[in-house]
Amino acid sequence: MGTVLDSHFLALTAIVTAGYQLLFFVITALLKFDKVTDFAGSTNFIILAVLTLVLKGTWHFRQVVLSFLVVTWGLRLGLFLLLRILQWGEDRRFDEMRSNLGKLAVFWIFQAVWVWTVSLPVTVVNGIDRDPSVQAADIIGWIMWSVGVSVEATADQQKLTFKNAPENRGKWCNVGLWNISRHPNYFGEILLWWGIFVAASPVLEGSEWLVILGPIFLTLLLLFLSGIPLLEKSADKKFGNVAAYRVYKRTTSPLIPLPPAVYRSLPSWFKSVFLFEFPFYSRDLPEEGST
């Protein structure tokens, strides 16, 4: 990323990210209070976007727009997740961590890496002086972000409404966007961060293109580690012996929204290669007829 200033700029963002996550790690470890976890992650994105915009102080139009998009996404998601966990109670992800300081520390370190890496496109745009005029890539990126954040917000609200209805207790969510994707919220999040990268691309030169690691990291994380695999495993264990659930899983795209009739008709190899229907998403699904 070229200059001493940029190196110091990136180092500062890493320090701020680590310090912010350390603060919440201490709160979680001392008070056994894990309801602020997702809020800490989402608001960290806001802090980085605002901090880098203000510190550089050039206030280019592209910098302001990208920072605004990140702040808008972070506020929406952070408040939604905080209110949801306060309503639902404890975060089950931490059942095995509350009494294990080492595992808890690893989680918070990983969250800091996630925030810093995914923020790279907006961090670098805010830290450089180049300011080409608005191009097609900017508009395409903004549209991608708009669609992505709309899908994510809609999916989150649909699932929350579904879960809060007493008649849906013990059921999996298959309404609205969840009828055409098993994880529409993740589709929205991946799309919006790729949109941020596309909108950042007009100012990138040389090694600055490495900021593509941000959306790549997020995509791999949700596809292979802490996103879809964990939720598929949990749902398969809960509902794997329910015939209707097995039909839902077989006919509903794991990520990219598609009508079930279309998805059902596609060959397995196409689903695996282009639609991310990986076999390990079903490794915890009981064999049909088992109890």
Protein backbone atom coordinates (compact mmCIF):
# COMPACT_ATOMS: atom_id res chain seq x y z
CA MET A 1 0.00 0.00 0.00
CA GLY A 2 3.01 1.95 -0.73
CA THR A 3 3.92 4.72 1.68
CA VAL A 4 5.05 5.10 5.28
CA LEU A 5 1.84 7.03 5.99
CA ASP A 6 -0.29 4.18 4.75
CA SER A 7 1.66 1.66 6.83
CA HIS A 8 1.15 3.75 9.96
CA PHE A 9 -2.48 4.26 9.02
CA LEU A 10 -3.10 0.53 8.77
CA ALA A 11 -1.14 -0.16 11.96
CA LEU A 12 -3.30 2.36 13.82
CA THR A 13 -6.50 0.67 12.65
CA ALA A 14 -5.15 -2.69 13.82
CA ILE A 15 -4.33 -1.25 17.26
CA VAL A 16 -7.74 0.38 17.60
CA THR A 17 -9.50 -2.83 16.56
CA ALA A 18 -7.50 -4.97 18.97
CA GLY A 19 -8.02 -2.51 21.82
CA TYR A 20 -11.78 -2.29 21.26
CA GLN A 21 -12.18 -6.06 21.18
CA LEU A 22 -9.89 -6.42 24.23
CA LEU A 23 -12.19 -4.10 26.17
CA PHE A 24 -15.21 -6.26 25.48
CA PHE A 25 -13.23 -9.45 26.11
CA VAL A 26 -12.44 -8.18 29.61
CA ILE A 27 -16.10 -7.30 30.21
CA THR A 28 -17.19 -10.74 29.01
CA ALA A 29 -14.54 -12.61 30.99
CA LEU A 30 -15.06 -10.76 34.26
CA LEU A 31 -18.83 -10.41 34.24
CA LYS A 32 -19.68 -13.60 32.30
CA PHE A 33 -21.79 -11.29 30.15
CA ASP A 34 -21.77 -12.30 26.48
CA LYS A 35 -24.76 -10.34 25.22
CA VAL A 36 -22.50 -7.61 23.81
CA THR A 37 -20.46 -9.86 21.52
CA ASP A 38 -22.15 -9.16 18.18
CA PHE A 39 -22.68 -5.53 19.15
CA ALA A 40 -18.93 -5.18 19.75
CA GLY A 41 -18.14 -6.64 16.35
CA SER A 42 -20.63 -4.52 14.40
CA THR A 43 -19.78 -1.24 16.13
CA ASN A 44 -16.07 -1.84 15.61
CA PHE A 45 -16.69 -1.47 11.86
CA ILE A 46 -18.33 1.90 12.55
CA ILE A 47 -15.39 3.07 14.65
CA LEU A 48 -12.87 2.14 11.95
CA ALA A 49 -14.83 3.81 9.16
CA VAL A 50 -15.35 7.07 11.08
CA LEU A 51 -11.84 7.12 12.55
CA THR A 52 -10.08 6.65 9.21
CA LEU A 53 -12.33 9.21 7.50
CA VAL A 54 -11.69 11.85 10.16
CA LEU A 55 -7.97 11.18 10.60
CA LYS A 56 -7.21 11.48 6.89
CA GLY A 57 -9.43 14.54 6.69
CA THR A 58 -9.66 14.76 2.90
CA TRP A 59 -13.40 14.06 2.91
CA HIS A 60 -13.52 12.96 -0.71
CA PHE A 61 -17.00 12.08 -1.96
CA ARG A 62 -16.15 8.38 -2.37
CA GLN A 63 -14.67 8.23 1.13
CA VAL A 64 -17.78 9.82 2.65
CA VAL A 65 -20.15 7.54 0.75
CA LEU A 66 -18.31 4.30 1.62
CA SER A 67 -17.95 5.32 5.26
CA PHE A 68 -21.66 6.15 5.39
CA LEU A 69 -22.55 2.76 3.92
CA VAL A 70 -20.43 0.93 6.51
CA VAL A 71 -21.81 3.02 9.39
CA THR A 72 -25.39 2.44 8.22
CA TRP A 73 -24.85 -1.32 7.96
CA GLY A 74 -23.05 -1.49 11.32
CA LEU A 75 -25.70 0.49 13.20
CA ARG A 76 -28.54 -1.55 11.76
CA LEU A 77 -26.94 -4.92 12.41
CA GLY A 78 -25.42 -4.02 15.77
CA LEU A 79 -28.67 -2.71 17.25
CA PHE A 80 -30.69 -5.57 15.78
CA LEU A 81 -28.38 -8.24 17.22
CA LEU A 82 -28.16 -6.51 20.60
CA LEU A 83 -31.94 -6.19 20.95
CA ARG A 84 -32.41 -9.77 19.78
CA ILE A 85 -29.98 -11.27 22.29
CA LEU A 86 -31.44 -9.16 25.11
CA GLN A 87 -34.85 -10.56 24.18
CA TRP A 88 -33.79 -14.18 23.68
CA GLY A 89 -31.28 -14.49 26.54
CA GLU A 90 -27.84 -16.09 26.52
CA ASP A 91 -25.80 -16.68 23.38
CA ARG A 92 -25.49 -20.47 22.96
CA ARG A 93 -22.20 -20.08 21.09
CA PHE A 94 -20.57 -19.34 24.44
CA ASP A 95 -21.89 -22.29 26.39
CA GLU A 96 -18.48 -23.98 26.20
CA MET A 97 -16.46 -20.78 26.51
CA ARG A 98 -17.79 -19.11 29.63
CA SER A 99 -15.62 -21.24 31.90
CA ASN A 100 -12.69 -21.53 29.47
CA LEU A 101 -10.69 -18.29 29.29
CA GLY A 102 -8.46 -19.63 26.52
CA LYS A 103 -11.33 -20.43 24.15
CA LEU A 104 -12.96 -17.10 24.95
CA ALA A 105 -9.73 -15.24 24.16
CA VAL A 106 -9.35 -17.04 20.84
CA PHE A 107 -12.89 -16.03 19.89
CA TRP A 108 -12.23 -12.34 20.59
CA ILE A 109 -8.89 -12.42 18.78
CA PHE A 110 -10.60 -13.96 15.76
CA GLN A 111 -13.34 -11.33 15.91
CA ALA A 112 -10.68 -8.58 15.84
CA VAL A 113 -9.06 -10.20 12.77
CA TRP A 114 -12.48 -10.44 11.11
CA VAL A 115 -13.31 -6.76 11.67
CA TRP A 116 -9.90 -5.47 10.55
CA THR A 117 -9.69 -7.68 7.45
CA VAL A 118 -13.23 -7.13 6.19
CA SER A 119 -12.85 -3.37 6.75
CA LEU A 120 -9.78 -3.16 4.51
CA PRO A 121 -11.52 -1.73 1.41
CA VAL A 122 -13.00 1.27 3.22
CA THR A 123 -9.90 1.69 5.42
CA VAL A 124 -7.59 1.94 2.41
CA VAL A 125 -9.93 4.22 0.43
CA ASN A 126 -10.11 6.55 3.43
CA GLY A 127 -6.33 6.50 3.80
CA ILE A 128 -5.21 7.49 0.30
CA ASP A 129 -5.27 10.79 -1.57
CA ARG A 130 -6.38 9.71 -5.03
CA ASP A 131 -9.88 10.85 -5.94
CA PRO A 132 -10.93 9.91 -9.48
CA SER A 133 -14.39 10.94 -10.59
CA VAL A 134 -17.36 8.67 -9.97
CA GLN A 135 -17.25 5.68 -12.30
CA ALA A 136 -19.50 2.78 -13.26
CA ALA A 137 -17.80 0.60 -10.61
CA ASP A 138 -18.87 3.05 -7.90
CA ILE A 139 -22.52 2.88 -8.94
CA ILE A 140 -22.45 -0.90 -9.36
CA GLY A 141 -20.89 -1.25 -5.90
CA TRP A 142 -23.48 1.03 -4.31
CA ILE A 143 -26.29 -0.95 -5.94
CA MET A 144 -24.77 -4.24 -4.72
CA TRP A 145 -24.57 -2.80 -1.20
CA SER A 146 -28.17 -1.55 -1.36
CA VAL A 147 -29.51 -4.92 -2.48
CA GLY A 148 -27.34 -6.78 0.02
CA VAL A 149 -28.26 -4.71 3.06
CA SER A 150 -31.96 -4.82 2.09
CA VAL A 151 -31.88 -8.62 1.80
CA GLU A 152 -30.01 -9.00 5.09
CA ALA A 153 -32.32 -6.65 7.01
CA THR A 154 -35.47 -8.21 5.54
CA ALA A 155 -34.29 -11.75 6.26
CA ASP A 156 -33.33 -10.85 9.84
CA GLN A 157 -36.73 -9.29 10.51
CA GLN A 158 -38.64 -12.16 8.90
CA LYS A 159 -36.83 -14.73 11.02
CA LEU A 160 -37.27 -12.70 14.22
CA THR A 161 -41.00 -12.34 13.59
CA PHE A 162 -41.26 -16.06 12.81
CA LYS A 163 -39.38 -17.11 15.94
CA ASN A 164 -41.38 -14.80 18.19
CA ALA A 165 -44.72 -16.29 17.09
CA PRO A 166 -45.83 -18.90 19.69
CA GLU A 167 -47.28 -21.17 16.99
CA ASN A 168 -43.81 -21.48 15.41
CA ARG A 169 -42.06 -22.76 18.51
CA GLY A 170 -39.84 -25.69 17.58
CA LYS A 171 -40.08 -25.01 13.82
CA TRP A 172 -37.47 -23.91 11.31
CA CYS A 173 -37.98 -20.62 9.48
CA ASN A 174 -39.14 -21.12 5.89
CA VAL A 175 -41.12 -17.94 5.21
CA GLY A 176 -40.35 -15.01 2.94
CA LEU A 177 -36.75 -14.98 1.79
CA TRP A 178 -36.15 -18.12 3.84
CA ASN A 179 -38.35 -19.97 1.37
CA ILE A 180 -35.87 -19.33 -1.45
CA SER A 181 -32.62 -19.50 0.52
CA ARG A 182 -31.63 -21.34 3.68
CA HIS A 183 -29.37 -18.43 4.66
CA PRO A 184 -30.57 -15.26 2.91
CA ASN A 185 -29.06 -13.01 5.60
CA TYR A 186 -25.59 -14.36 4.79
CA PHE A 187 -26.23 -13.88 1.08
CA GLY A 188 -27.06 -10.24 1.79
CA GLU A 189 -23.97 -9.71 3.94
CA ILE A 190 -21.62 -11.26 1.39
CA LEU A 191 -23.17 -9.21 -1.43
CA LEU A 192 -22.97 -5.89 0.41
CA TRP A 193 -19.28 -6.32 1.32
CA TRP A 194 -18.40 -7.29 -2.24
CA GLY A 195 -20.28 -4.11 -3.19
CA ILE A 196 -18.03 -2.08 -0.87
CA PHE A 197 -14.99 -3.59 -2.57
CA VAL A 198 -16.31 -2.90 -6.08
CA ALA A 199 -17.08 0.71 -5.11
CA ALA A 200 -13.55 1.05 -3.70
CA SER A 201 -11.86 -0.33 -6.82
CA PRO A 202 -11.58 2.92 -8.85
CA VAL A 203 -8.92 4.28 -6.47
CA LEU A 204 -6.89 1.10 -6.00
CA GLU A 205 -3.39 0.70 -7.44
CA GLY A 206 -0.70 -1.97 -7.13
CA SER A 207 -0.65 -3.79 -3.80
CA GLU A 208 -3.73 -1.88 -2.67
CA TRP A 209 -5.75 -4.47 -4.59
CA LEU A 210 -4.96 -6.83 -1.71
CA VAL A 211 -7.98 -5.30 0.01
CA ILE A 212 -9.94 -7.93 -1.93
CA LEU A 213 -8.89 -10.18 0.95
CA GLY A 214 -11.66 -8.48 2.95
CA PRO A 215 -14.68 -9.82 1.05
CA ILE A 216 -12.86 -13.09 0.29
CA PHE A 217 -12.22 -13.64 4.00
CA LEU A 218 -15.86 -12.91 4.85
CA THR A 219 -17.15 -15.24 2.12
CA LEU A 220 -14.90 -18.12 3.18
CA LEU A 221 -15.77 -17.55 6.83
CA LEU A 222 -19.51 -17.78 6.22
CA LEU A 223 -19.28 -20.66 3.75
CA PHE A 224 -16.81 -22.89 5.55
CA LEU A 225 -16.36 -21.96 9.20
CA SER A 226 -18.60 -19.97 11.52
CA GLY A 227 -21.60 -19.26 9.32
CA ILE A 228 -23.51 -21.81 7.27
CA PRO A 229 -21.77 -24.99 8.57
CA LEU A 230 -22.66 -24.29 12.21
CA LEU A 231 -26.28 -23.42 11.47
CA GLU A 232 -26.75 -26.38 9.12
CA LYS A 233 -25.36 -28.71 11.78
CA SER A 234 -27.67 -27.27 14.43
CA ALA A 235 -30.77 -27.44 12.19
CA ASP A 236 -30.00 -30.99 11.02
CA LYS A 237 -29.73 -32.20 14.60
CA LYS A 238 -33.00 -30.53 15.57
CA PHE A 239 -35.14 -31.29 12.54
CA GLY A 240 -33.26 -33.97 10.61
CA ASN A 241 -35.89 -36.61 11.26
CA VAL A 242 -38.76 -34.36 10.14
CA ALA A 243 -39.82 -35.24 6.60
CA ALA A 244 -40.89 -31.70 5.72
CA TYR A 245 -37.53 -30.32 6.82
CA ARG A 246 -35.68 -32.82 4.66
CA VAL A 247 -37.77 -31.71 1.69
CA TYR A 248 -37.05 -28.06 2.54
CA LYS A 249 -33.33 -28.70 2.69
CA ARG A 250 -33.33 -30.72 -0.53
CA THR A 251 -35.30 -28.10 -2.49
CA THR A 252 -33.96 -24.83 -1.06
CA SER A 253 -30.71 -23.18 -2.10
CA PRO A 254 -28.20 -22.88 0.76
CA LEU A 255 -27.21 -19.28 -0.07
CA ILE A 256 -28.20 -17.71 -3.41
CA PRO A 257 -31.98 -17.10 -3.51
CA LEU A 258 -33.73 -19.26 -6.10
CA PRO A 259 -37.31 -20.51 -6.47
CA PRO A 260 -37.50 -24.05 -5.03
CA ALA A 261 -38.91 -25.39 -8.32
CA VAL A 262 -35.82 -24.12 -10.14
CA TYR A 263 -33.36 -25.32 -7.51
CA ARG A 264 -34.97 -28.75 -7.32
CA SER A 265 -34.52 -29.30 -11.06
CA LEU A 266 -30.80 -28.51 -11.15
CA PRO A 267 -28.21 -31.32 -11.25
CA SER A 268 -26.20 -32.01 -8.10
CA TRP A 269 -22.86 -31.07 -9.69
CA PHE A 270 -24.25 -27.66 -10.68
CA LYS A 271 -25.51 -27.05 -7.15
CA SER A 272 -22.12 -27.94 -5.68
CA VAL A 273 -20.01 -25.92 -8.14
CA PHE A 274 -22.12 -22.80 -8.58
CA LEU A 275 -24.59 -22.66 -5.69
CA PHE A 276 -22.36 -23.78 -2.77
CA GLU A 277 -24.35 -26.89 -1.88
CA PHE A 278 -21.40 -28.67 -0.32
CA PRO A 279 -21.77 -32.28 0.92
CA PHE A 280 -20.43 -31.43 4.39
CA TYR A 281 -23.48 -29.22 4.95
CA SER A 282 -25.45 -32.46 5.35
CA ARG A 283 -22.97 -34.65 7.21
CA ASP A 284 -25.03 -34.33 10.42
CA LEU A 285 -28.31 -35.08 8.69
CA PRO A 286 -29.65 -38.42 10.01
CA GLU A 287 -30.13 -41.15 7.47
CA GLU A 288 -33.68 -41.31 6.23
CA GLY A 289 -35.76 -43.61 8.40
CA SER A 290 -33.42 -43.39 11.42
CA THR A 291 -34.63 -42.20 14.80
